[in-house]
Protein backbone atom coordinates (compact mmCIF):
# COMPACT_ATOMS: atom_id res chain seq x y z
CA MET A 1 113.36 53.21 21.12
CA ASP A 2 111.49 55.50 23.49
CA TYR A 3 109.13 53.20 25.40
CA SER A 4 107.59 56.05 27.38
CA LYS A 5 105.67 57.23 24.28
CA SER A 6 104.26 53.83 23.28
CA GLY A 7 101.78 53.59 26.15
CA GLY A 8 101.82 51.05 28.91
CA ALA A 9 99.76 48.00 29.61
CA ILE A 10 96.25 48.64 30.85
CA PRO A 11 96.04 47.66 34.53
CA PRO A 12 93.39 45.08 35.42
CA ARG A 13 90.11 46.31 36.84
CA ASN A 14 88.29 44.52 39.63
CA ALA A 15 84.99 44.51 37.82
CA PRO A 16 83.34 41.71 35.86
CA LYS A 17 82.87 42.10 32.13
CA HIS A 18 79.10 41.68 32.46
CA GLN A 19 76.38 41.22 35.08
CA GLU A 20 75.24 37.72 35.95
CA HIS A 21 71.50 37.11 35.93
CA ASN A 22 71.61 35.60 39.45
CA ALA A 23 74.45 37.58 41.00
CA LYS A 24 74.75 37.76 44.80
CA GLY A 25 72.78 40.69 46.15
CA SER A 26 70.41 40.96 43.19
CA ALA A 27 66.65 40.57 43.32
CA LYS A 28 66.85 36.90 42.28
CA ASN A 29 69.57 36.04 44.80
CA PRO A 30 69.57 38.44 47.78
CA PHE A 31 72.28 38.34 50.42
CA GLY A 32 71.55 36.01 53.32
CA ALA A 33 68.69 34.23 51.58
CA ARG A 34 68.98 30.50 52.01
CA GLU A 35 66.16 28.02 51.63
CA THR A 36 65.52 25.39 54.25
CA LYS A 37 66.02 21.72 53.55
CA ALA A 38 62.26 21.19 53.36
CA GLU A 39 61.89 23.93 50.75
CA LEU A 40 64.78 22.47 48.76
CA LEU A 41 63.28 18.97 48.80
CA ALA A 42 59.87 20.31 47.78
CA ARG A 43 61.43 22.19 44.84
CA MET A 44 63.40 19.10 43.78
CA LYS A 45 60.32 16.87 43.96
CA ALA A 46 58.30 19.37 41.93
CA ALA A 47 61.03 19.38 39.29
CA VAL A 48 60.96 15.56 39.10
CA GLU A 49 57.17 15.54 38.75
CA ALA A 50 57.33 18.19 36.02
CA LYS A 51 59.94 16.16 34.17
CA LYS A 52 57.81 12.99 34.42
CA LYS A 53 54.75 14.80 33.00
CA GLY A 54 56.40 16.33 30.03
């Protein structure tokens, strides 16, 4: 059998199959953006209050 005519395996590409909604470097998650501990605690407390209300 002549394997040269059958076509080879497709080499892997270094690209994801789709874009994530919060990928690094996007508008929702820019590079170098990191919230402070106070901002994190405030967001967590707001989430708990919202969960208690409804």
